[in-house]
Amino acid sequence: MTTPLELMRDQLNTETAKADWAELLPFFAKGQLILVATQLDLVEVAAHIATDNAEHIHTWMTSGQLVKLDDDTALDWEQRKPAIWTVVVAPWILVQERGH
């Protein structure tokens, strides 16, 4: 049997996209970007947020693996222009720097 988390994961997997930092700037200005640590799976985190799995979310937040994108990271991304993967879990846009 397929769980709601698995269904959400499958749906969000098709909704991920690569974005340029310039495209994300307006959302950063509104405080809508959530940084997902590179050691976490972006889609997995998004699925847990979308299904309101408070335990996982709390663990990632307290460990610093899931945070609002800060000014220092924004400036770094502005200068380096890294590959950034995104997925929307309204009202948030989850972002993660990727090497590929």
C-alpha atoms as a PDB file:
ATOM      1  CA  MET A   1       0.000   0.000   0.000  1.00  0.00           C
ATOM      2  CA  THR A   2       1.263   3.457  -0.892  1.00  0.00           C
ATOM      3  CA  THR A   3       1.474   5.942   1.973  1.00  0.00           C
ATOM      4  CA  PRO A   4       0.625   9.656   1.711  1.00  0.00           C
ATOM      5  CA  LEU A   5       4.336  10.421   2.150  1.00  0.00           C
ATOM      6  CA  GLU A   6       5.259   8.177  -0.788  1.00  0.00           C
ATOM      7  CA  LEU A   7       2.563   9.732  -2.971  1.00  0.00           C
ATOM      8  CA  MET A   8       3.759  13.213  -2.090  1.00  0.00           C
ATOM      9  CA  ARG A   9       7.382  12.244  -2.734  1.00  0.00           C
ATOM     10  CA  ASP A  10       6.459  10.939  -6.191  1.00  0.00           C
ATOM     11  CA  GLN A  11       4.530  14.115  -7.016  1.00  0.00           C
ATOM     12  CA  LEU A  12       7.229  16.490  -5.782  1.00  0.00           C
ATOM     13  CA  ASN A  13       9.930  14.569  -7.602  1.00  0.00           C
ATOM     14  CA  THR A  14       8.336  15.641 -10.892  1.00  0.00           C
ATOM     15  CA  GLU A  15       8.173  19.269  -9.707  1.00  0.00           C
ATOM     16  CA  THR A  16      11.846  19.887  -8.936  1.00  0.00           C
ATOM     17  CA  ALA A  17      13.681  22.340 -11.150  1.00  0.00           C
ATOM     18  CA  LYS A  18      17.070  23.920 -11.541  1.00  0.00           C
ATOM     19  CA  ALA A  19      16.990  27.698 -11.038  1.00  0.00           C
ATOM     20  CA  ASP A  20      19.376  30.583 -11.420  1.00  0.00           C
ATOM     21  CA  TRP A  21      19.979  32.744  -8.371  1.00  0.00           C
ATOM     22  CA  ALA A  22      18.591  35.770 -10.251  1.00  0.00           C
ATOM     23  CA  GLU A  23      15.234  33.987 -10.569  1.00  0.00           C
ATOM     24  CA  LEU A  24      15.143  33.336  -6.832  1.00  0.00           C
ATOM     25  CA  LEU A  25      16.046  36.841  -5.650  1.00  0.00           C
ATOM     26  CA  PRO A  26      12.433  38.108  -5.413  1.00  0.00           C
ATOM     27  CA  PHE A  27      11.507  35.114  -3.266  1.00  0.00           C
ATOM     28  CA  PHE A  28      14.569  35.647  -1.056  1.00  0.00           C
ATOM     29  CA  ALA A  29      13.487  39.256  -0.571  1.00  0.00           C
ATOM     30  CA  LYS A  30      10.080  38.005   0.621  1.00  0.00           C
ATOM     31  CA  GLY A  31      11.674  35.513   3.034  1.00  0.00           C
ATOM     32  CA  GLN A  32      10.269  32.495   1.202  1.00  0.00           C
ATOM     33  CA  LEU A  33      13.460  30.501   0.565  1.00  0.00           C
ATOM     34  CA  ILE A  34      14.256  27.565   2.822  1.00  0.00           C
ATOM     35  CA  LEU A  35      17.754  26.125   2.545  1.00  0.00           C
ATOM     36  CA  VAL A  36      18.025  22.339   2.641  1.00  0.00           C
ATOM     37  CA  ALA A  37      21.458  20.995   3.602  1.00  0.00           C
ATOM     38  CA  THR A  38      23.277  19.203   0.811  1.00  0.00           C
ATOM     39  CA  GLN A  39      23.454  15.958   2.780  1.00  0.00           C
ATOM     40  CA  LEU A  40      19.639  15.730   2.780  1.00  0.00           C
ATOM     41  CA  ASP A  41      17.433  14.626  -0.097  1.00  0.00           C
ATOM     42  CA  LEU A  42      15.568  17.711  -1.325  1.00  0.00           C
ATOM     43  CA  VAL A  43      12.452  15.796  -2.396  1.00  0.00           C
ATOM     44  CA  GLU A  44      12.353  13.788   0.819  1.00  0.00           C
ATOM     45  CA  VAL A  45      12.478  16.946   2.926  1.00  0.00           C
ATOM     46  CA  ALA A  46       9.800  18.592   0.771  1.00  0.00           C
ATOM     47  CA  ALA A  47       7.535  15.561   1.148  1.00  0.00           C
ATOM     48  CA  HIS A  48       7.856  15.644   4.928  1.00  0.00           C
ATOM     49  CA  ILE A  49       7.040  19.357   4.981  1.00  0.00           C
ATOM     50  CA  ALA A  50       4.073  18.913   2.637  1.00  0.00           C
ATOM     51  CA  THR A  51       2.675  16.106   4.804  1.00  0.00           C
ATOM     52  CA  ASP A  52       3.353  18.109   7.980  1.00  0.00           C
ATOM     53  CA  ASN A  53       5.708  15.607   9.575  1.00  0.00           C
ATOM     54  CA  ALA A  54       6.610  17.830  12.520  1.00  0.00           C
ATOM     55  CA  GLU A  55       9.066  15.378  14.087  1.00  0.00           C
ATOM     56  CA  HIS A  56      11.346  15.237  11.038  1.00  0.00           C
ATOM     57  CA  ILE A  57      11.030  18.958  10.367  1.00  0.00           C
ATOM     58  CA  HIS A  58      11.913  19.819  13.965  1.00  0.00           C
ATOM     59  CA  THR A  59      14.953  17.522  13.895  1.00  0.00           C
ATOM     60  CA  TRP A  60      16.280  19.084  10.687  1.00  0.00           C
ATOM     61  CA  MET A  61      15.638  22.613  11.948  1.00  0.00           C
ATOM     62  CA  THR A  62      17.323  22.112  15.316  1.00  0.00           C
ATOM     63  CA  SER A  63      20.340  20.508  13.645  1.00  0.00           C
ATOM     64  CA  GLY A  64      20.650  23.439  11.216  1.00  0.00           C
ATOM     65  CA  GLN A  65      19.955  21.291   8.164  1.00  0.00           C
ATOM     66  CA  LEU A  66      16.740  23.152   7.321  1.00  0.00           C
ATOM     67  CA  VAL A  67      16.872  26.935   7.734  1.00  0.00           C
ATOM     68  CA  LYS A  68      15.662  30.140   6.169  1.00  0.00           C
ATOM     69  CA  LEU A  69      18.196  31.218   3.581  1.00  0.00           C
ATOM     70  CA  ASP A  70      20.440  33.823   5.200  1.00  0.00           C
ATOM     71  CA  ASP A  71      22.113  36.927   3.800  1.00  0.00           C
ATOM     72  CA  ASP A  72      25.591  35.359   3.796  1.00  0.00           C
ATOM     73  CA  THR A  73      24.464  32.406   1.689  1.00  0.00           C
ATOM     74  CA  ALA A  74      22.542  34.723  -0.640  1.00  0.00           C
ATOM     75  CA  LEU A  75      25.651  36.858  -1.165  1.00  0.00           C
ATOM     76  CA  ASP A  76      27.779  33.769  -1.741  1.00  0.00           C
ATOM     77  CA  TRP A  77      25.324  32.457  -4.337  1.00  0.00           C
ATOM     78  CA  GLU A  78      25.169  35.882  -6.007  1.00  0.00           C
ATOM     79  CA  GLN A  79      28.951  35.800  -6.442  1.00  0.00           C
ATOM     80  CA  ARG A  80      29.470  32.121  -7.341  1.00  0.00           C
ATOM     81  CA  LYS A  81      26.280  31.386  -9.339  1.00  0.00           C
ATOM     82  CA  PRO A  82      26.098  27.706  -8.267  1.00  0.00           C
ATOM     83  CA  ALA A  83      23.614  25.133  -9.526  1.00  0.00           C
ATOM     84  CA  ILE A  84      20.512  25.457  -7.340  1.00  0.00           C
ATOM     85  CA  TRP A  85      17.691  22.935  -7.286  1.00  0.00           C
ATOM     86  CA  THR A  86      14.257  23.977  -6.104  1.00  0.00           C
ATOM     87  CA  VAL A  87      10.881  22.561  -5.202  1.00  0.00           C
ATOM     88  CA  VAL A  88       7.835  24.503  -4.096  1.00  0.00           C
ATOM     89  CA  VAL A  89       5.939  23.580  -0.948  1.00  0.00           C
ATOM     90  CA  ALA A  90       3.756  26.663  -0.674  1.00  0.00           C
ATOM     91  CA  PRO A  91       4.321  29.182   0.705  1.00  0.00           C
ATOM     92  CA  TRP A  92       7.978  28.106   0.721  1.00  0.00           C
ATOM     93  CA  ILE A  93      10.497  27.375  -1.972  1.00  0.00           C
ATOM     94  CA  LEU A  94      13.006  24.812  -0.813  1.00  0.00           C
ATOM     95  CA  VAL A  95      16.460  25.382  -2.295  1.00  0.00           C
ATOM     96  CA  GLN A  96      19.583  23.275  -2.330  1.00  0.00           C
ATOM     97  CA  GLU A  97      22.982  23.840  -3.899  1.00  0.00           C
ATOM     98  CA  ARG A  98      23.967  20.932  -6.081  1.00  0.00           C
ATOM     99  CA  GLY A  99      27.226  20.086  -7.745  1.00  0.00           C
ATOM    100  CA  HIS A 100      25.459  18.625 -10.782  1.00  0.00           C
END
